[in-house]
Amino acid sequence: MSATTPIFLYGTLLDPDLFGVVGGRVLAGRSARLADHAVHWARDENFPLLGHEAGAVATGLIVECDGLLKARLDFYELGFGYTLEPRQVMTDAGREEALVYIPEADRWPKGAAWSLSEWQRTYGPLSRAAAVEYMRLLGETPPEQAAAAFPQIRARAASRLRAQAEPSPDPFGGLPGDGVVAPDVTRQPFTDYFGVREDRLSFPTFGGGQSETVRRVSWLSADAVTILPYDPVRDAVLVVRQFRHGAFSRGDPNPWCIEPVAGRIDAGETPEEAARREMLEETGLEAGEMHLIGAYYPTPGAVSEHLTSYVAIADLGGRDGRVGGEVSEAEDIMAHVVSFEALEDMAASGAANTGPLLLALFWLARHRERLRATD
């Protein structure tokens, strides 16, 4: 029998479902206790800290790890500022040595006493969904780089949960076969603010059979929102202009695109909350009444991004020419207040050349008189 390494688990990995994703197997271990240590929440965070505390006892499980399991657990833990250190723990059979994931000293302030059941209720679904993508990076991405991308991974996980909770309607009365697409192999060869997912899969066909196994690649992006501020008194809208790398990569000599306000939906936000936050960040404006345009995939053949678009009522007085944006993200965004007719002219000339802006223009053309009459 090959040698195993005993590792003492004390926090989120005691959740059987999360352990199954991270470890790739069923959680099984021996009850153990670590004297003079306690587990607390990291203050204002969603994960635990193990620290020295005289007289306290931290409870957990010792899991015997083969090389593959240890590599998977190390990948999940070590990139986040934890080290694997030996400790003496007590089991029903007596004292023994096990390795323990120890947080970097003083990196996070200590919060209240840890509760696994509270974590499972509050953070479990999102954390498990994020772990699915995170563990795809094993062997593809160094742990520190994967950990740096974790906020984006969590945002994409929230998008997947939102998609599962709000599936797209089927107006035609039945998906091909059972509608289930099960990839044979999934890789993620690139991960940063965005990710690249590669699948080898087959899918049910409209003829009643199954497609051949095909290779498909998509650009992974979290769900996002767009907001077109509209002032019904002035009959004017606010659009923003900023450098866009996508247009630059295509070779457009003018990669400063004209768009509505836009931004990513962070984990834990609703689309409307994200829209109000982004409008304030990019323009300094508080959104008034929000009008939903729709929720949609702008280009589902290659990109996972799903947009929710709004028109927001706002007073646009004195807002023309304002420069804003999130400094930490190197955003440089110029706001322009233009009349509705001027926006129509931009669309006709091709200057308004972004899909969400055109969609908002078409929606506003249909509802503008109603909004002006009720102001």
Protein backbone atom coordinates (compact mmCIF):
# COMPACT_ATOMS: atom_id res chain seq x y z
CA MET A 1 0.00 0.00 0.00
CA SER A 2 1.35 3.43 -0.92
CA ALA A 3 2.04 5.90 1.88
CA THR A 4 -0.51 8.57 2.74
CA THR A 5 -0.20 11.96 4.40
CA PRO A 6 -2.54 12.77 7.33
CA ILE A 7 -4.05 16.26 7.00
CA PHE A 8 -6.24 17.82 9.72
CA LEU A 9 -9.22 19.66 8.21
CA TYR A 10 -11.14 22.18 10.30
CA GLY A 11 -13.07 24.65 8.11
CA THR A 12 -15.00 24.78 4.86
CA LEU A 13 -13.50 21.50 3.64
CA LEU A 14 -15.55 19.73 6.30
CA ASP A 15 -18.53 20.45 4.05
CA PRO A 16 -18.98 17.12 2.21
CA ASP A 17 -20.12 18.74 -1.03
CA LEU A 18 -17.23 21.22 -1.18
CA PHE A 19 -14.75 18.49 -0.31
CA GLY A 20 -16.20 16.37 -3.11
CA VAL A 21 -15.53 19.15 -5.63
CA VAL A 22 -12.06 19.97 -4.32
CA GLY A 23 -10.89 16.48 -3.47
CA GLY A 24 -12.66 14.64 -6.25
CA ARG A 25 -13.88 11.98 -3.83
CA VAL A 26 -16.14 11.38 -0.83
CA LEU A 27 -15.10 12.98 2.46
CA ALA A 28 -13.90 10.31 4.90
CA GLY A 29 -11.72 10.76 7.95
CA ARG A 30 -11.16 10.33 11.67
CA SER A 31 -12.38 12.78 14.30
CA ALA A 32 -9.54 14.78 15.81
CA ARG A 33 -8.92 17.71 18.14
CA LEU A 34 -6.22 20.36 18.07
CA ALA A 35 -5.53 21.72 21.56
CA ASP A 36 -4.91 25.40 22.29
CA HIS A 37 -6.33 26.42 18.92
CA ALA A 38 -9.68 27.90 17.87
CA VAL A 39 -11.45 28.50 14.57
CA HIS A 40 -12.96 31.93 13.89
CA TRP A 41 -14.42 33.72 10.90
CA ALA A 42 -12.02 36.03 9.15
CA ARG A 43 -13.65 39.37 9.94
CA ASP A 44 -16.02 40.53 7.17
CA GLU A 45 -15.00 37.53 5.04
CA ASN A 46 -16.58 34.18 4.17
CA PHE A 47 -13.86 31.78 5.30
CA PRO A 48 -12.34 30.56 8.60
CA LEU A 49 -9.06 31.23 10.39
CA LEU A 50 -7.29 28.78 12.67
CA GLY A 51 -5.26 30.44 15.39
CA HIS A 52 -3.57 29.78 18.71
CA GLU A 53 -5.85 30.28 21.73
CA ALA A 54 -4.84 28.92 25.11
CA GLY A 55 -7.36 26.46 26.55
CA ALA A 56 -9.46 26.24 23.38
CA VAL A 57 -9.91 23.12 21.26
CA ALA A 58 -10.42 23.07 17.48
CA THR A 59 -12.31 20.04 16.20
CA GLY A 60 -12.05 18.51 12.76
CA LEU A 61 -11.16 15.44 10.75
CA ILE A 62 -7.89 13.78 9.86
CA VAL A 63 -8.02 12.73 6.22
CA GLU A 64 -5.42 10.31 4.90
CA CYS A 65 -4.32 11.82 1.59
CA ASP A 66 -2.64 10.04 -1.27
CA GLY A 67 -0.50 12.11 -3.62
CA LEU A 68 -3.36 13.17 -5.88
CA LEU A 69 -5.68 14.18 -3.03
CA LYS A 70 -2.92 16.15 -1.31
CA ALA A 71 -2.12 17.94 -4.58
CA ARG A 72 -5.78 18.91 -4.99
CA LEU A 73 -6.11 20.17 -1.41
CA ASP A 74 -2.80 22.06 -1.65
CA PHE A 75 -3.94 23.75 -4.86
CA TYR A 76 -7.18 24.88 -3.21
CA GLU A 77 -5.50 26.22 -0.05
CA LEU A 78 -1.90 27.29 -0.59
CA GLY A 79 -2.49 30.09 -3.10
CA PHE A 80 -4.57 32.04 -0.57
CA GLY A 81 -1.86 32.71 2.01
CA TYR A 82 -1.96 29.40 3.87
CA THR A 83 0.98 27.13 4.66
CA LEU A 84 0.95 23.42 5.47
CA GLU A 85 2.54 22.85 8.89
CA PRO A 86 2.82 19.89 11.28
CA ARG A 87 0.81 19.89 14.51
CA GLN A 88 0.14 17.39 17.28
CA VAL A 89 -3.54 16.42 17.33
CA MET A 90 -5.58 14.10 19.54
CA THR A 91 -7.71 11.25 18.19
CA ASP A 92 -9.60 8.46 19.92
CA ALA A 93 -6.45 6.37 19.49
CA GLY A 94 -4.18 8.95 21.12
CA ARG A 95 -1.82 11.71 20.06
CA GLU A 96 -0.42 11.83 16.53
CA GLU A 97 1.12 14.28 14.09
CA ALA A 98 -0.84 15.68 11.16
CA LEU A 99 -0.36 18.51 8.70
CA VAL A 100 -2.63 21.55 9.04
CA TYR A 101 -3.36 24.47 6.69
CA ILE A 102 -2.33 27.52 8.75
CA PRO A 103 -3.27 31.07 7.68
CA GLU A 104 -0.56 33.66 7.26
CA ALA A 105 -0.08 35.49 10.56
CA ASP A 106 -1.92 38.83 10.86
CA ARG A 107 -3.09 38.77 7.24
CA TRP A 108 -6.78 38.85 8.26
CA PRO A 109 -8.30 40.13 11.51
CA LYS A 110 -10.19 37.58 13.59
CA GLY A 111 -13.97 37.69 13.74
CA ALA A 112 -16.63 35.71 15.60
CA ALA A 113 -16.45 32.01 16.42
CA TRP A 114 -16.66 29.90 13.26
CA SER A 115 -19.90 28.11 12.34
CA LEU A 116 -19.81 25.56 9.54
CA SER A 117 -23.61 25.36 9.43
CA GLU A 118 -23.89 29.15 9.03
CA TRP A 119 -21.30 29.04 6.23
CA GLN A 120 -23.20 26.23 4.52
CA ARG A 121 -26.45 28.24 4.62
CA THR A 122 -25.00 31.59 3.64
CA TYR A 123 -21.99 30.92 1.45
CA GLY A 124 -22.06 27.21 0.60
CA PRO A 125 -23.80 27.26 -2.80
CA LEU A 126 -21.61 30.03 -4.22
CA SER A 127 -18.41 28.59 -2.77
CA ARG A 128 -19.10 25.13 -4.19
CA ALA A 129 -19.92 26.58 -7.61
CA ALA A 130 -16.73 28.66 -7.56
CA ALA A 131 -14.70 25.60 -6.58
CA VAL A 132 -15.86 23.79 -9.73
CA GLU A 133 -14.14 26.36 -11.95
CA TYR A 134 -11.21 26.81 -9.58
CA MET A 135 -10.33 23.10 -9.59
CA ARG A 136 -10.36 23.06 -13.40
CA LEU A 137 -7.24 25.21 -13.15
CA LEU A 138 -5.21 22.46 -11.44
CA GLY A 139 -2.34 21.69 -13.78
CA GLU A 140 -3.20 24.70 -15.98
CA THR A 141 -2.57 27.71 -13.73
CA PRO A 142 -0.14 28.32 -10.82
CA PRO A 143 -1.93 28.48 -7.42
CA GLU A 144 -1.05 32.13 -6.78
CA GLN A 145 -2.37 33.19 -10.20
CA ALA A 146 -5.54 31.14 -9.70
CA ALA A 147 -6.09 32.68 -6.27
CA ALA A 148 -5.63 36.20 -7.68
CA ALA A 149 -8.44 35.46 -10.16
CA PHE A 150 -10.76 34.13 -7.46
CA PRO A 151 -13.00 37.25 -7.22
CA GLN A 152 -13.74 36.88 -10.94
CA ILE A 153 -14.22 33.13 -10.51
CA ARG A 154 -16.77 33.81 -7.75
CA ALA A 155 -18.58 36.34 -9.94
CA ARG A 156 -18.79 33.78 -12.74
CA ALA A 157 -20.01 31.17 -10.25
CA ALA A 158 -22.78 33.56 -9.18
CA SER A 159 -23.69 33.90 -12.86
CA ARG A 160 -23.96 30.11 -13.21
CA LEU A 161 -26.20 29.90 -10.15
CA ARG A 162 -28.35 32.71 -11.58
CA ALA A 163 -28.61 30.86 -14.90
CA GLN A 164 -29.70 27.67 -13.15
CA ALA A 165 -32.28 29.50 -11.04
CA GLU A 166 -33.62 31.49 -14.02
CA PRO A 167 -33.39 29.23 -17.10
CA SER A 168 -34.14 30.76 -20.47
CA PRO A 169 -37.78 30.16 -21.51
CA ASP A 170 -38.50 27.67 -24.31
CA PRO A 171 -41.29 29.12 -26.49
CA PHE A 172 -41.24 26.21 -28.94
CA GLY A 173 -42.36 23.48 -26.57
CA GLY A 174 -39.46 21.15 -26.10
CA LEU A 175 -35.70 20.98 -26.24
CA PRO A 176 -33.92 18.39 -28.38
CA GLY A 177 -33.77 15.07 -26.56
CA ASP A 178 -33.68 15.67 -22.82
CA GLY A 179 -31.90 18.99 -23.24
CA VAL A 180 -28.86 17.76 -21.31
CA VAL A 181 -25.36 18.43 -22.61
CA ALA A 182 -22.71 16.51 -20.67
CA PRO A 183 -19.11 17.35 -21.62
CA ASP A 184 -16.71 14.44 -21.82
CA VAL A 185 -13.67 16.63 -21.13
CA THR A 186 -13.50 20.22 -19.84
CA ARG A 187 -10.33 22.31 -19.71
CA GLN A 188 -9.65 25.92 -18.78
CA PRO A 189 -6.31 26.80 -20.40
CA PHE A 190 -6.51 30.53 -19.56
CA THR A 191 -7.85 32.34 -16.50
CA ASP A 192 -7.55 35.97 -15.47
CA TYR A 193 -10.25 38.63 -15.35
CA PHE A 194 -11.89 36.44 -17.99
CA GLY A 195 -11.42 32.76 -18.68
CA VAL A 196 -11.32 30.42 -21.65
CA ARG A 197 -13.26 27.15 -21.38
CA GLU A 198 -12.69 24.28 -23.78
CA ASP A 199 -15.13 21.34 -23.94
CA ARG A 200 -15.27 18.13 -25.90
CA LEU A 201 -18.95 17.27 -25.92
CA SER A 202 -21.93 15.99 -27.82
CA PHE A 203 -25.45 17.38 -27.71
CA PRO A 204 -28.98 16.19 -28.53
CA THR A 205 -30.05 17.05 -32.07
CA PHE A 206 -33.41 18.18 -33.43
CA GLY A 207 -33.58 14.95 -35.41
CA GLY A 208 -33.72 12.91 -32.24
CA GLY A 209 -30.17 11.64 -32.19
CA GLN A 210 -26.89 12.76 -30.72
CA SER A 211 -24.22 14.87 -32.38
CA GLU A 212 -20.72 13.60 -32.88
CA THR A 213 -18.18 14.64 -30.27
CA VAL A 214 -17.09 18.19 -31.07
CA ARG A 215 -14.63 20.70 -29.63
CA ARG A 216 -16.10 24.01 -28.49
CA VAL A 217 -14.35 26.98 -26.88
CA SER A 218 -16.00 29.90 -25.08
CA TRP A 219 -14.82 33.10 -23.43
CA LEU A 220 -16.01 33.05 -19.80
CA SER A 221 -17.36 36.28 -18.36
CA ALA A 222 -19.54 37.12 -15.40
CA ASP A 223 -23.03 38.50 -15.95
CA ALA A 224 -23.14 42.26 -16.44
CA VAL A 225 -25.53 45.20 -16.65
CA THR A 226 -25.94 48.18 -18.95
CA ILE A 227 -27.76 51.41 -18.05
CA LEU A 228 -28.72 54.29 -20.31
CA PRO A 229 -29.50 57.37 -18.17
CA TYR A 230 -32.41 59.34 -19.66
CA ASP A 231 -33.64 62.81 -18.70
CA PRO A 232 -37.26 63.12 -19.89
CA VAL A 233 -37.33 66.88 -19.17
CA ARG A 234 -34.39 67.57 -21.47
CA ASP A 235 -35.20 64.61 -23.76
CA ALA A 236 -31.53 63.72 -23.50
CA VAL A 237 -29.43 60.67 -22.69
CA LEU A 238 -26.01 60.21 -21.16
CA VAL A 239 -23.58 57.98 -23.04
CA VAL A 240 -20.01 57.19 -22.07
CA ARG A 241 -16.87 56.88 -24.15
CA GLN A 242 -13.80 54.85 -23.21
CA PHE A 243 -10.97 52.85 -24.74
CA ARG A 244 -12.12 49.30 -25.53
CA HIS A 245 -9.52 46.61 -26.09
CA GLY A 246 -11.91 44.48 -28.12
CA ALA A 247 -12.31 47.19 -30.75
CA PHE A 248 -8.56 47.82 -30.64
CA SER A 249 -7.86 44.10 -31.14
CA ARG A 250 -10.13 44.07 -34.19
CA GLY A 251 -7.99 46.84 -35.69
CA ASP A 252 -10.45 49.73 -35.41
CA PRO A 253 -8.51 53.03 -35.60
CA ASN A 254 -11.11 54.48 -33.19
CA PRO A 255 -11.34 52.06 -30.24
CA TRP A 256 -13.02 54.68 -28.00
CA CYS A 257 -16.52 53.22 -28.14
CA ILE A 258 -19.78 55.03 -27.39
CA GLU A 259 -21.82 52.98 -24.95
CA PRO A 260 -24.32 53.06 -22.13
CA VAL A 261 -22.97 52.78 -18.60
CA ALA A 262 -21.98 49.16 -17.99
CA GLY A 263 -20.34 46.87 -15.49
CA ARG A 264 -20.10 43.42 -14.00
CA ILE A 265 -22.57 42.02 -11.47
CA ASP A 266 -20.49 41.15 -8.42
CA ALA A 267 -21.18 38.03 -6.38
CA GLY A 268 -24.05 38.73 -3.98
CA GLU A 269 -25.55 41.57 -6.05
CA THR A 270 -28.81 41.65 -7.95
CA PRO A 271 -28.71 43.10 -11.48
CA GLU A 272 -30.49 46.27 -10.35
CA GLU A 273 -28.10 46.75 -7.42
CA ALA A 274 -25.16 46.39 -9.79
CA ALA A 275 -26.74 48.84 -12.24
CA ARG A 276 -27.21 51.51 -9.57
CA ARG A 277 -23.65 51.02 -8.29
CA GLU A 278 -22.10 51.20 -11.76
CA MET A 279 -24.08 54.31 -12.69
CA LEU A 280 -22.82 56.06 -9.56
CA GLU A 281 -19.20 54.93 -10.15
CA GLU A 282 -19.04 55.92 -13.81
CA THR A 283 -21.14 59.09 -13.84
CA GLY A 284 -21.62 60.25 -10.25
CA LEU A 285 -25.38 60.00 -10.82
CA GLU A 286 -27.92 58.39 -8.50
CA ALA A 287 -30.31 56.36 -10.64
CA GLY A 288 -33.98 57.20 -10.31
CA GLU A 289 -36.72 54.94 -11.61
CA MET A 290 -35.25 51.95 -13.45
CA HIS A 291 -36.91 50.53 -16.56
CA LEU A 292 -35.92 47.02 -17.59
CA ILE A 293 -35.15 46.64 -21.30
CA GLY A 294 -34.39 42.93 -21.17
CA ALA A 295 -31.94 40.22 -20.18
CA TYR A 296 -30.05 38.49 -22.98
CA TYR A 297 -26.90 36.89 -24.38
CA PRO A 298 -25.17 39.39 -26.71
CA THR A 299 -23.11 36.74 -28.54
CA PRO A 300 -23.74 33.21 -27.19
CA GLY A 301 -21.78 31.43 -29.90
CA ALA A 302 -18.49 32.37 -28.27
CA VAL A 303 -19.05 34.27 -24.99
CA SER A 304 -20.86 33.25 -21.79
CA GLU A 305 -21.68 36.86 -20.82
CA HIS A 306 -25.34 37.58 -20.07
CA LEU A 307 -26.52 41.19 -19.94
CA THR A 308 -29.39 42.84 -18.13
CA SER A 309 -30.12 46.26 -19.65
CA TYR A 310 -31.96 49.24 -18.19
CA VAL A 311 -32.99 52.79 -18.92
CA ALA A 312 -32.63 54.88 -15.74
CA ILE A 313 -34.40 58.18 -15.16
CA ALA A 314 -31.95 60.89 -14.09
CA ASP A 315 -31.35 64.64 -14.03
CA LEU A 316 -28.53 65.13 -16.53
CA GLY A 317 -27.98 68.83 -15.92
CA GLY A 318 -24.27 69.69 -15.77
CA ARG A 319 -23.14 66.14 -16.55
CA ASP A 320 -21.73 66.63 -20.04
CA GLY A 321 -17.96 66.22 -20.23
CA ARG A 322 -17.52 64.64 -16.81
CA VAL A 323 -14.62 62.18 -16.54
CA GLY A 324 -15.04 59.29 -14.12
CA GLY A 325 -14.46 55.60 -13.58
CA GLU A 326 -12.97 53.27 -11.00
CA VAL A 327 -9.38 54.37 -10.38
CA SER A 328 -8.32 50.92 -9.12
CA GLU A 329 -9.35 49.46 -12.48
CA ALA A 330 -7.61 52.19 -14.55
CA GLU A 331 -10.96 53.28 -15.98
CA ASP A 332 -10.95 56.57 -17.92
CA ILE A 333 -14.54 57.30 -18.90
CA MET A 334 -15.89 60.47 -20.51
CA ALA A 335 -19.61 61.21 -20.18
CA HIS A 336 -21.52 62.93 -22.99
CA VAL A 337 -25.07 64.25 -22.70
CA VAL A 338 -26.77 64.27 -26.10
CA SER A 339 -30.32 64.74 -27.30
CA PHE A 340 -32.40 61.75 -28.30
CA GLU A 341 -32.33 62.95 -31.92
CA ALA A 342 -28.53 63.22 -31.81
CA LEU A 343 -28.34 59.63 -30.60
CA GLU A 344 -30.55 58.54 -33.48
CA ASP A 345 -28.18 60.32 -35.88
CA MET A 346 -25.19 58.53 -34.30
CA ALA A 347 -26.91 55.20 -34.86
CA ALA A 348 -27.64 56.07 -38.48
CA SER A 349 -24.02 57.12 -39.12
CA GLY A 350 -22.50 54.09 -37.37
CA ALA A 351 -20.94 56.14 -34.58
CA ALA A 352 -23.24 54.41 -32.07
CA ASN A 353 -21.91 50.95 -32.82
CA THR A 354 -22.33 48.92 -29.63
CA GLY A 355 -25.20 46.48 -29.28
CA PRO A 356 -26.52 47.49 -25.85
CA LEU A 357 -26.62 51.17 -26.88
CA LEU A 358 -28.58 50.39 -30.04
CA LEU A 359 -30.95 48.17 -28.08
CA ALA A 360 -31.51 50.93 -25.51
CA LEU A 361 -32.12 53.43 -28.33
CA PHE A 362 -34.76 51.19 -29.90
CA TRP A 363 -36.44 50.66 -26.52
CA LEU A 364 -36.40 54.39 -25.80
CA ALA A 365 -37.84 55.19 -29.23
CA ARG A 366 -40.82 53.03 -28.32
CA HIS A 367 -41.32 54.30 -24.75
CA ARG A 368 -39.96 57.85 -24.86
CA GLU A 369 -43.27 59.68 -25.22
CA ARG A 370 -44.74 57.75 -22.28
CA LEU A 371 -41.76 58.60 -20.09
CA ARG A 372 -41.94 62.29 -21.04
CA ALA A 373 -45.68 62.42 -20.39
CA THR A 374 -45.37 60.93 -16.90
CA ASP A 375 -42.43 63.03 -15.76
